[in-house]
Protein backbone atom coordinates (compact mmCIF):
# COMPACT_ATOMS: atom_id res chain seq x y z
CA MET A 1 13.34 7.06 6.26
CA ALA A 2 16.46 5.59 4.77
CA SER A 3 17.70 2.26 3.51
CA ARG A 4 20.89 1.32 1.72
CA ALA A 5 19.34 -2.03 0.79
CA PHE A 6 18.06 -0.98 -2.62
CA GLY A 7 19.07 1.17 -5.56
CA ILE A 8 15.79 2.78 -6.54
CA GLN A 9 12.63 3.89 -4.81
CA GLU A 10 9.43 2.75 -6.45
CA GLU A 11 6.68 5.31 -6.18
CA ASN A 12 2.98 4.56 -5.85
CA HIS A 13 0.41 7.26 -6.36
CA PHE A 14 -2.40 6.11 -4.09
CA PRO A 15 -5.76 7.87 -4.16
CA ALA A 16 -6.56 10.23 -1.27
CA VAL A 17 -8.94 7.68 0.28
CA VAL A 18 -5.98 5.33 0.88
CA HIS A 19 -4.17 8.01 2.87
CA ASP A 20 -7.40 8.65 4.81
CA MET A 21 -7.75 4.90 5.45
CA PHE A 22 -4.13 4.54 6.61
CA PRO A 23 -3.20 7.71 8.50
CA GLY A 24 0.54 8.02 8.97
CA ALA A 25 1.41 6.41 5.62
CA GLY A 26 4.51 7.83 3.99
CA GLN A 27 4.02 10.80 1.70
CA ILE A 28 6.08 11.61 -1.35
CA ARG A 29 6.93 15.26 -1.82
CA LYS A 30 9.38 16.56 -4.43
CA GLY A 31 10.84 13.09 -4.93
CA TYR A 32 11.44 12.34 -1.24
CA LEU A 33 9.51 9.91 0.95
CA TYR A 34 8.51 11.42 4.27
CA GLY A 35 7.48 9.01 7.01
CA SER A 36 5.41 9.60 10.11
CA ASP A 37 6.96 10.86 13.33
CA LYS A 38 4.96 8.28 15.31
CA PRO A 39 6.64 5.15 16.77
CA GLY A 40 7.48 2.25 14.45
CA LEU A 41 6.27 2.85 10.92
CA GLY A 42 3.68 5.24 12.33
CA LEU A 43 0.80 3.63 10.46
CA ASP A 44 -2.74 3.35 11.71
CA ILE A 45 -5.95 2.11 10.09
CA ASP A 46 -9.40 3.64 10.00
CA GLU A 47 -11.36 0.41 10.23
CA ALA A 48 -14.75 2.08 9.67
CA LEU A 49 -13.53 3.61 6.41
CA ALA A 50 -11.79 0.37 5.38
CA ALA A 51 -15.07 -1.53 5.87
CA LYS A 52 -16.59 0.63 3.10
CA TYR A 53 -14.01 -0.77 0.65
CA PRO A 54 -14.12 -4.58 1.04
CA TRP A 55 -11.41 -6.59 -0.69
CA GLY A 56 -12.64 -8.76 -3.52
CA PRO A 57 -11.35 -10.54 -6.59
CA VAL A 58 -9.10 -8.36 -8.71
CA ARG A 59 -10.45 -7.70 -12.20
CA ASN A 60 -8.38 -9.25 -14.97
CA GLY A 61 -5.87 -10.51 -12.41
CA GLY A 62 -4.67 -7.01 -11.49
CA ALA A 63 -0.94 -6.42 -11.44
CA TYR A 64 -0.19 -10.05 -10.59
CA GLY A 65 -2.04 -11.89 -13.30
CA THR A 66 -4.50 -14.70 -12.77
CA GLU A 67 -2.02 -17.14 -11.20
CA ARG A 68 -2.45 -15.60 -7.74
CA LYS A 69 -5.18 -16.00 -5.15
CA ILE A 70 -7.01 -13.04 -3.60
CA ASP A 71 -4.42 -12.89 -0.78
CA GLY A 72 -1.55 -12.77 -3.29
CA THR A 73 -0.27 -16.33 -2.85
CA VAL A 74 0.88 -18.10 -5.99
CA TRP A 75 -1.08 -21.10 -7.25
CA TYR A 76 -1.05 -23.07 -10.43
CA PRO A 77 -4.41 -23.60 -12.17
């Protein structure tokens, strides 16, 4: 995976369950992002596993603060 469209690569350390839920997600090893060898982005979703982790309101606004709705759209209270 390569892109000249940005200067840095932000790294997220997702728990193992996220990688189980989304097989084919990129993996970071020794500072490099390795993508799947499947077509497109190579992502899939384990819907049965995802159903065990329903999306709900983010506590304390999460990373986006309280000015966003559950789907991430901006709104003004």
